[in-house]
Amino acid sequence: MNETFKKVLIAIGIPLGIMLLFLAVPDGFFMVGVLALLVPFVYLIAGVILIFTSRKKLGQVLLISGGIIFLIGFSVCSIMLSNMNFH
């Protein structure tokens, strides 16, 4: 397995694992939403900063991971909103 792919899986797995743990507690759904919004932007900022330093591979990993987490959060949010009735 590629070393970059392993790092991407770790960078995705940790926040998603924490989000799953928050789903187990009452009213943890709000925290999952906050994390789904916060983590991709933090990864984006950190990735862009690292791209311009000597740690280019880690910056790429964070950018890819942030994008994947953003897609997961956006798809879950859109599925939840499509099932809501606003009448």
PDB file of N, CA and C in Angstrom:
ATOM      1  N   MET A   1       0.841  -1.169   0.000  1.00  0.00           N
ATOM      2  CA  MET A   1       0.000   0.000   0.000  1.00  0.00           C
ATOM      3  C   MET A   1       0.894   1.242   0.000  1.00  0.00           C
ATOM      4  N   ASN A   2       0.486   2.227  -0.740  1.00  0.00           N
ATOM      5  CA  ASN A   2       1.240   3.465  -0.866  1.00  0.00           C
ATOM      6  C   ASN A   2       1.293   4.206   0.475  1.00  0.00           C
ATOM      7  N   GLU A   3       2.434   4.804   0.779  1.00  0.00           N
ATOM      8  CA  GLU A   3       2.611   5.503   2.061  1.00  0.00           C
ATOM      9  C   GLU A   3       1.678   6.710   2.169  1.00  0.00           C
ATOM     10  N   THR A   4       1.474   7.419   1.068  1.00  0.00           N
ATOM     11  CA  THR A   4       0.568   8.568   1.084  1.00  0.00           C
ATOM     12  C   THR A   4      -0.865   8.123   1.350  1.00  0.00           C
ATOM     13  N   PHE A   5      -1.264   7.010   0.755  1.00  0.00           N
ATOM     14  CA  PHE A   5      -2.607   6.491   0.958  1.00  0.00           C
ATOM     15  C   PHE A   5      -2.821   6.106   2.421  1.00  0.00           C
ATOM     16  N   LYS A   6      -1.817   5.531   3.055  1.00  0.00           N
ATOM     17  CA  LYS A   6      -1.918   5.191   4.481  1.00  0.00           C
ATOM     18  C   LYS A   6      -2.119   6.438   5.328  1.00  0.00           C
ATOM     19  N   LYS A   7      -1.367   7.488   5.011  1.00  0.00           N
ATOM     20  CA  LYS A   7      -1.495   8.732   5.768  1.00  0.00           C
ATOM     21  C   LYS A   7      -2.861   9.380   5.568  1.00  0.00           C
ATOM     22  N   VAL A   8      -3.395   9.282   4.340  1.00  0.00           N
ATOM     23  CA  VAL A   8      -4.731   9.827   4.068  1.00  0.00           C
ATOM     24  C   VAL A   8      -5.778   9.061   4.873  1.00  0.00           C
ATOM     25  N   LEU A   9      -5.658   7.737   4.910  1.00  0.00           N
ATOM     26  CA  LEU A   9      -6.614   6.939   5.683  1.00  0.00           C
ATOM     27  C   LEU A   9      -6.560   7.277   7.165  1.00  0.00           C
ATOM     28  N   ILE A  10      -5.382   7.504   7.690  1.00  0.00           N
ATOM     29  CA  ILE A  10      -5.260   7.874   9.102  1.00  0.00           C
ATOM     30  C   ILE A  10      -5.858   9.256   9.333  1.00  0.00           C
ATOM     31  N   ALA A  11      -5.565  10.200   8.432  1.00  0.00           N
ATOM     32  CA  ALA A  11      -6.078  11.558   8.593  1.00  0.00           C
ATOM     33  C   ALA A  11      -7.592  11.623   8.445  1.00  0.00           C
ATOM     34  N   ILE A  12      -8.185  10.691   7.728  1.00  0.00           N
ATOM     35  CA  ILE A  12      -9.643  10.630   7.601  1.00  0.00           C
ATOM     36  C   ILE A  12     -10.243   9.836   8.761  1.00  0.00           C
ATOM     37  N   GLY A  13      -9.590   8.758   9.141  1.00  0.00           N
ATOM     38  CA  GLY A  13     -10.140   7.849  10.143  1.00  0.00           C
ATOM     39  C   GLY A  13     -10.256   8.451  11.528  1.00  0.00           C
ATOM     40  N   ILE A  14      -9.305   9.280  11.921  1.00  0.00           N
ATOM     41  CA  ILE A  14      -9.343   9.847  13.268  1.00  0.00           C
ATOM     42  C   ILE A  14     -10.548  10.774  13.454  1.00  0.00           C
ATOM     43  N   PRO A  15     -10.776  11.768  12.585  1.00  0.00           N
ATOM     44  CA  PRO A  15     -11.960  12.615  12.795  1.00  0.00           C
ATOM     45  C   PRO A  15     -13.276  11.863  12.636  1.00  0.00           C
ATOM     46  N   LEU A  16     -13.336  10.940  11.675  1.00  0.00           N
ATOM     47  CA  LEU A  16     -14.581  10.187  11.504  1.00  0.00           C
ATOM     48  C   LEU A  16     -14.840   9.268  12.691  1.00  0.00           C
ATOM     49  N   GLY A  17     -13.785   8.712  13.288  1.00  0.00           N
ATOM     50  CA  GLY A  17     -13.948   7.904  14.494  1.00  0.00           C
ATOM     51  C   GLY A  17     -14.445   8.730  15.664  1.00  0.00           C
ATOM     52  N   ILE A  18     -13.924   9.940  15.802  1.00  0.00           N
ATOM     53  CA  ILE A  18     -14.398  10.830  16.866  1.00  0.00           C
ATOM     54  C   ILE A  18     -15.849  11.213  16.630  1.00  0.00           C
ATOM     55  N   MET A  19     -16.218  11.442  15.377  1.00  0.00           N
ATOM     56  CA  MET A  19     -17.607  11.768  15.065  1.00  0.00           C
ATOM     57  C   MET A  19     -18.531  10.614  15.414  1.00  0.00           C
ATOM     58  N   LEU A  20     -18.106   9.387  15.147  1.00  0.00           N
ATOM     59  CA  LEU A  20     -18.918   8.224  15.508  1.00  0.00           C
ATOM     60  C   LEU A  20     -19.059   8.089  17.019  1.00  0.00           C
ATOM     61  N   LEU A  21     -18.014   8.426  17.757  1.00  0.00           N
ATOM     62  CA  LEU A  21     -18.116   8.391  19.221  1.00  0.00           C
ATOM     63  C   LEU A  21     -19.093   9.438  19.734  1.00  0.00           C
ATOM     64  N   PHE A  22     -19.124  10.607  19.109  1.00  0.00           N
ATOM     65  CA  PHE A  22     -20.072  11.638  19.529  1.00  0.00           C
ATOM     66  C   PHE A  22     -21.512  11.235  19.246  1.00  0.00           C
ATOM     67  N   LEU A  23     -21.732  10.375  18.263  1.00  0.00           N
ATOM     68  CA  LEU A  23     -23.095   9.929  17.983  1.00  0.00           C
ATOM     69  C   LEU A  23     -23.646   9.036  19.084  1.00  0.00           C
ATOM     70  N   ALA A  24     -22.764   8.464  19.902  1.00  0.00           N
ATOM     71  CA  ALA A  24     -23.210   7.564  20.968  1.00  0.00           C
ATOM     72  C   ALA A  24     -23.763   8.320  22.172  1.00  0.00           C
ATOM     73  N   VAL A  25     -23.389   9.573  22.345  1.00  0.00           N
ATOM     74  CA  VAL A  25     -23.868  10.336  23.503  1.00  0.00           C
ATOM     75  C   VAL A  25     -25.125  11.106  23.132  1.00  0.00           C
ATOM     76  N   PRO A  26     -25.983  11.377  24.116  1.00  0.00           N
ATOM     77  CA  PRO A  26     -27.177  12.189  23.824  1.00  0.00           C
ATOM     78  C   PRO A  26     -26.781  13.596  23.391  1.00  0.00           C
ATOM     79  N   ASP A  27     -27.486  14.132  22.438  1.00  0.00           N
ATOM     80  CA  ASP A  27     -27.233  15.456  21.859  1.00  0.00           C
ATOM     81  C   ASP A  27     -25.838  15.574  21.248  1.00  0.00           C
ATOM     82  N   GLY A  28     -25.258  14.483  20.870  1.00  0.00           N
ATOM     83  CA  GLY A  28     -23.953  14.506  20.238  1.00  0.00           C
ATOM     84  C   GLY A  28     -24.024  14.791  18.753  1.00  0.00           C
ATOM     85  N   PHE A  29     -25.240  14.798  18.214  1.00  0.00           N
ATOM     86  CA  PHE A  29     -25.409  15.028  16.781  1.00  0.00           C
ATOM     87  C   PHE A  29     -24.970  16.439  16.396  1.00  0.00           C
ATOM     88  N   PHE A  30     -25.185  17.397  17.298  1.00  0.00           N
ATOM     89  CA  PHE A  30     -24.749  18.767  17.039  1.00  0.00           C
ATOM     90  C   PHE A  30     -23.230  18.845  16.934  1.00  0.00           C
ATOM     91  N   MET A  31     -22.534  18.138  17.811  1.00  0.00           N
ATOM     92  CA  MET A  31     -21.071  18.140  17.771  1.00  0.00           C
ATOM     93  C   MET A  31     -20.536  17.491  16.496  1.00  0.00           C
ATOM     94  N   VAL A  32     -21.235  16.483  16.006  1.00  0.00           N
ATOM     95  CA  VAL A  32     -20.827  15.852  14.746  1.00  0.00           C
ATOM     96  C   VAL A  32     -20.932  16.858  13.609  1.00  0.00           C
ATOM     97  N   GLY A  33     -21.995  17.646  13.609  1.00  0.00           N
ATOM     98  CA  GLY A  33     -22.142  18.671  12.584  1.00  0.00           C
ATOM     99  C   GLY A  33     -21.065  19.736  12.662  1.00  0.00           C
ATOM    100  N   VAL A  34     -20.740  20.143  13.881  1.00  0.00           N
ATOM    101  CA  VAL A  34     -19.685  21.148  14.058  1.00  0.00           C
ATOM    102  C   VAL A  34     -18.342  20.587  13.595  1.00  0.00           C
ATOM    103  N   LEU A  35     -18.048  19.348  13.960  1.00  0.00           N
ATOM    104  CA  LEU A  35     -16.788  18.739  13.533  1.00  0.00           C
ATOM    105  C   LEU A  35     -16.746  18.545  12.019  1.00  0.00           C
ATOM    106  N   ALA A  36     -17.887  18.187  11.426  1.00  0.00           N
ATOM    107  CA  ALA A  36     -17.919  17.992   9.974  1.00  0.00           C
ATOM    108  C   ALA A  36     -17.681  19.301   9.231  1.00  0.00           C
ATOM    109  N   LEU A  37     -18.003  20.433   9.863  1.00  0.00           N
ATOM    110  CA  LEU A  37     -17.720  21.726   9.248  1.00  0.00           C
ATOM    111  C   LEU A  37     -16.324  22.228   9.582  1.00  0.00           C
ATOM    112  N   LEU A  38     -15.864  21.971  10.788  1.00  0.00           N
ATOM    113  CA  LEU A  38     -14.609  22.535  11.261  1.00  0.00           C
ATOM    114  C   LEU A  38     -13.385  21.804  10.724  1.00  0.00           C
ATOM    115  N   VAL A  39     -13.411  20.480  10.732  1.00  0.00           N
ATOM    116  CA  VAL A  39     -12.234  19.691  10.357  1.00  0.00           C
ATOM    117  C   VAL A  39     -11.766  19.952   8.921  1.00  0.00           C
ATOM    118  N   PRO A  40     -12.652  19.977   7.920  1.00  0.00           N
ATOM    119  CA  PRO A  40     -12.144  20.238   6.561  1.00  0.00           C
ATOM    120  C   PRO A  40     -11.483  21.605   6.411  1.00  0.00           C
ATOM    121  N   PHE A  41     -12.012  22.632   7.089  1.00  0.00           N
ATOM    122  CA  PHE A  41     -11.409  23.953   6.967  1.00  0.00           C
ATOM    123  C   PHE A  41     -10.066  24.029   7.691  1.00  0.00           C
ATOM    124  N   VAL A  42      -9.952  23.352   8.822  1.00  0.00           N
ATOM    125  CA  VAL A  42      -8.669  23.306   9.518  1.00  0.00           C
ATOM    126  C   VAL A  42      -7.648  22.549   8.672  1.00  0.00           C
ATOM    127  N   TYR A  43      -8.063  21.429   8.085  1.00  0.00           N
ATOM    128  CA  TYR A  43      -7.173  20.671   7.212  1.00  0.00           C
ATOM    129  C   TYR A  43      -6.775  21.503   5.991  1.00  0.00           C
ATOM    130  N   LEU A  44      -7.704  22.286   5.442  1.00  0.00           N
ATOM    131  CA  LEU A  44      -7.407  23.117   4.281  1.00  0.00           C
ATOM    132  C   LEU A  44      -6.351  24.170   4.626  1.00  0.00           C
ATOM    133  N   ILE A  45      -6.546  24.864   5.729  1.00  0.00           N
ATOM    134  CA  ILE A  45      -5.593  25.902   6.121  1.00  0.00           C
ATOM    135  C   ILE A  45      -4.222  25.293   6.423  1.00  0.00           C
ATOM    136  N   ALA A  46      -4.215  24.208   7.194  1.00  0.00           N
ATOM    137  CA  ALA A  46      -2.943  23.562   7.528  1.00  0.00           C
ATOM    138  C   ALA A  46      -2.276  22.995   6.279  1.00  0.00           C
ATOM    139  N   GLY A  47      -3.054  22.431   5.369  1.00  0.00           N
ATOM    140  CA  GLY A  47      -2.499  21.871   4.136  1.00  0.00           C
ATOM    141  C   GLY A  47      -1.869  22.925   3.248  1.00  0.00           C
ATOM    142  N   VAL A  48      -2.535  24.067   3.124  1.00  0.00           N
ATOM    143  CA  VAL A  48      -1.988  25.146   2.293  1.00  0.00           C
ATOM    144  C   VAL A  48      -0.705  25.690   2.912  1.00  0.00           C
ATOM    145  N   ILE A  49      -0.688  25.831   4.230  1.00  0.00           N
ATOM    146  CA  ILE A  49       0.530  26.304   4.896  1.00  0.00           C
ATOM    147  C   ILE A  49       1.669  25.303   4.693  1.00  0.00           C
ATOM    148  N   LEU A  50       1.369  24.018   4.837  1.00  0.00           N
ATOM    149  CA  LEU A  50       2.418  23.006   4.696  1.00  0.00           C
ATOM    150  C   LEU A  50       2.897  22.839   3.257  1.00  0.00           C
ATOM    151  N   ILE A  51       2.043  23.138   2.291  1.00  0.00           N
ATOM    152  CA  ILE A  51       2.448  23.055   0.886  1.00  0.00           C
ATOM    153  C   ILE A  51       3.600  24.033   0.615  1.00  0.00           C
ATOM    154  N   PHE A  52       3.562  25.197   1.249  1.00  0.00           N
ATOM    155  CA  PHE A  52       4.588  26.212   1.009  1.00  0.00           C
ATOM    156  C   PHE A  52       5.814  26.052   1.895  1.00  0.00           C
ATOM    157  N   THR A  53       5.843  25.031   2.731  1.00  0.00           N
ATOM    158  CA  THR A  53       7.024  24.750   3.539  1.00  0.00           C
ATOM    159  C   THR A  53       7.708  23.507   2.975  1.00  0.00           C
ATOM    160  N   SER A  54       8.576  22.917   3.757  1.00  0.00           N
ATOM    161  CA  SER A  54       9.303  21.739   3.293  1.00  0.00           C
ATOM    162  C   SER A  54       8.497  20.448   3.444  1.00  0.00           C
ATOM    163  N   ARG A  55       7.312  20.500   4.038  1.00  0.00           N
ATOM    164  CA  ARG A  55       6.507  19.297   4.267  1.00  0.00           C
ATOM    165  C   ARG A  55       5.376  19.201   3.247  1.00  0.00           C
ATOM    166  N   LYS A  56       5.715  19.170   1.986  1.00  0.00           N
ATOM    167  CA  LYS A  56       4.743  19.178   0.903  1.00  0.00           C
ATOM    168  C   LYS A  56       3.850  17.937   0.894  1.00  0.00           C
ATOM    169  N   LYS A  57       4.406  16.760   1.194  1.00  0.00           N
ATOM    170  CA  LYS A  57       3.611  15.523   1.190  1.00  0.00           C
ATOM    171  C   LYS A  57       2.521  15.566   2.254  1.00  0.00           C
ATOM    172  N   LEU A  58       2.869  16.040   3.458  1.00  0.00           N
ATOM    173  CA  LEU A  58       1.869  16.139   4.518  1.00  0.00           C
ATOM    174  C   LEU A  58       0.801  17.163   4.159  1.00  0.00           C
ATOM    175  N   GLY A  59       1.191  18.238   3.498  1.00  0.00           N
ATOM    176  CA  GLY A  59       0.213  19.219   3.033  1.00  0.00           C
ATOM    177  C   GLY A  59      -0.754  18.623   2.022  1.00  0.00           C
ATOM    178  N   GLN A  60      -0.238  17.804   1.107  1.00  0.00           N
ATOM    179  CA  GLN A  60      -1.101  17.139   0.137  1.00  0.00           C
ATOM    180  C   GLN A  60      -2.055  16.176   0.818  1.00  0.00           C
ATOM    181  N   VAL A  61      -1.541  15.452   1.812  1.00  0.00           N
ATOM    182  CA  VAL A  61      -2.374  14.505   2.551  1.00  0.00           C
ATOM    183  C   VAL A  61      -3.515  15.238   3.252  1.00  0.00           C
ATOM    184  N   LEU A  62      -3.218  16.373   3.879  1.00  0.00           N
ATOM    185  CA  LEU A  62      -4.258  17.115   4.587  1.00  0.00           C
ATOM    186  C   LEU A  62      -5.280  17.716   3.622  1.00  0.00           C
ATOM    187  N   LEU A  63      -4.829  18.180   2.472  1.00  0.00           N
ATOM    188  CA  LEU A  63      -5.772  18.721   1.490  1.00  0.00           C
ATOM    189  C   LEU A  63      -6.707  17.635   0.957  1.00  0.00           C
ATOM    190  N   ILE A  64      -6.160  16.483   0.638  1.00  0.00           N
ATOM    191  CA  ILE A  64      -6.987  15.373   0.147  1.00  0.00           C
ATOM    192  C   ILE A  64      -7.952  14.905   1.229  1.00  0.00           C
ATOM    193  N   SER A  65      -7.465  14.762   2.455  1.00  0.00           N
ATOM    194  CA  SER A  65      -8.308  14.302   3.558  1.00  0.00           C
ATOM    195  C   SER A  65      -9.417  15.298   3.866  1.00  0.00           C
ATOM    196  N   GLY A  66      -9.077  16.578   3.854  1.00  0.00           N
ATOM    197  CA  GLY A  66     -10.091  17.601   4.091  1.00  0.00           C
ATOM    198  C   GLY A  66     -11.175  17.581   3.031  1.00  0.00           C
ATOM    199  N   GLY A  67     -10.785  17.379   1.786  1.00  0.00           N
ATOM    200  CA  GLY A  67     -11.766  17.289   0.712  1.00  0.00           C
ATOM    201  C   GLY A  67     -12.681  16.089   0.845  1.00  0.00           C
ATOM    202  N   ILE A  68     -12.121  14.962   1.230  1.00  0.00           N
ATOM    203  CA  ILE A  68     -12.938  13.751   1.395  1.00  0.00           C
ATOM    204  C   ILE A  68     -13.897  13.907   2.564  1.00  0.00           C
ATOM    205  N   ILE A  69     -13.417  14.458   3.687  1.00  0.00           N
ATOM    206  CA  ILE A  69     -14.299  14.665   4.842  1.00  0.00           C
ATOM    207  C   ILE A  69     -15.392  15.678   4.495  1.00  0.00           C
ATOM    208  N   PHE A  70     -15.046  16.713   3.720  1.00  0.00           N
ATOM    209  CA  PHE A  70     -16.053  17.681   3.281  1.00  0.00           C
ATOM    210  C   PHE A  70     -17.122  17.006   2.427  1.00  0.00           C
ATOM    211  N   LEU A  71     -16.717  16.136   1.507  1.00  0.00           N
ATOM    212  CA  LEU A  71     -17.691  15.430   0.668  1.00  0.00           C
ATOM    213  C   LEU A  71     -18.598  14.520   1.492  1.00  0.00           C
ATOM    214  N   ILE A  72     -18.027  13.833   2.474  1.00  0.00           N
ATOM    215  CA  ILE A  72     -18.834  12.964   3.338  1.00  0.00           C
ATOM    216  C   ILE A  72     -19.833  13.798   4.131  1.00  0.00           C
ATOM    217  N   GLY A  73     -19.372  14.896   4.729  1.00  0.00           N
ATOM    218  CA  GLY A  73     -20.264  15.754   5.511  1.00  0.00           C
ATOM    219  C   GLY A  73     -21.344  16.392   4.657  1.00  0.00           C
ATOM    220  N   PHE A  74     -20.974  16.852   3.460  1.00  0.00           N
ATOM    221  CA  PHE A  74     -21.957  17.470   2.573  1.00  0.00           C
ATOM    222  C   PHE A  74     -23.009  16.470   2.121  1.00  0.00           C
ATOM    223  N   SER A  75     -22.594  15.252   1.800  1.00  0.00           N
ATOM    224  CA  SER A  75     -23.568  14.262   1.343  1.00  0.00           C
ATOM    225  C   SER A  75     -24.507  13.833   2.460  1.00  0.00           C
ATOM    226  N   VAL A  76     -23.988  13.671   3.663  1.00  0.00           N
ATOM    227  CA  VAL A  76     -24.842  13.303   4.795  1.00  0.00           C
ATOM    228  C   VAL A  76     -25.822  14.432   5.096  1.00  0.00           C
ATOM    229  N   CYS A  77     -25.337  15.668   5.047  1.00  0.00           N
ATOM    230  CA  CYS A  77     -26.194  16.821   5.325  1.00  0.00           C
ATOM    231  C   CYS A  77     -27.287  16.958   4.263  1.00  0.00           C
ATOM    232  N   SER A  78     -26.953  16.758   3.012  1.00  0.00           N
ATOM    233  CA  SER A  78     -27.954  16.884   1.961  1.00  0.00           C
ATOM    234  C   SER A  78     -28.984  15.765   2.031  1.00  0.00           C
ATOM    235  N   ILE A  79     -28.572  14.576   2.428  1.00  0.00           N
ATOM    236  CA  ILE A  79     -29.533  13.484   2.599  1.00  0.00           C
ATOM    237  C   ILE A  79     -30.477  13.797   3.748  1.00  0.00           C
ATOM    238  N   MET A  80     -29.930  14.345   4.841  1.00  0.00           N
ATOM    239  CA  MET A  80     -30.787  14.690   5.981  1.00  0.00           C
ATOM    240  C   MET A  80     -31.767  15.796   5.610  1.00  0.00           C
ATOM    241  N   LEU A  81     -31.326  16.811   4.867  1.00  0.00           N
ATOM    242  CA  LEU A  81     -32.212  17.902   4.491  1.00  0.00           C
ATOM    243  C   LEU A  81     -33.261  17.465   3.481  1.00  0.00           C
ATOM    244  N   SER A  82     -32.958  16.488   2.657  1.00  0.00           N
ATOM    245  CA  SER A  82     -33.944  16.039   1.674  1.00  0.00           C
ATOM    246  C   SER A  82     -35.090  15.278   2.337  1.00  0.00           C
ATOM    247  N   ASN A  83     -34.864  14.744   3.518  1.00  0.00           N
ATOM    248  CA  ASN A  83     -35.920  14.005   4.226  1.00  0.00           C
ATOM    249  C   ASN A  83     -36.731  14.896   5.149  1.00  0.00           C
ATOM    250  N   MET A  84     -36.368  16.175   5.258  1.00  0.00           N
ATOM    251  CA  MET A  84     -37.121  17.079   6.136  1.00  0.00           C
ATOM    252  C   MET A  84     -38.323  17.646   5.414  1.00  0.00           C
ATOM    253  N   ASN A  85     -39.369  17.899   6.180  1.00  0.00           N
ATOM    254  CA  ASN A  85     -40.591  18.482   5.622  1.00  0.00           C
ATOM    255  C   ASN A  85     -40.734  19.892   6.189  1.00  0.00           C
ATOM    256  N   PHE A  86     -40.710  20.896   5.330  1.00  0.00           N
ATOM    257  CA  PHE A  86     -40.771  22.285   5.771  1.00  0.00           C
ATOM    258  C   PHE A  86     -42.165  22.890   5.637  1.00  0.00           C
ATOM    259  N   HIS A  87     -43.189  22.110   5.559  1.00  0.00           N
ATOM    260  CA  HIS A  87     -44.562  22.625   5.397  1.00  0.00           C
ATOM    261  C   HIS A  87     -45.172  22.945   6.721  1.00  0.00           C
TER     262      HIS A  87
END
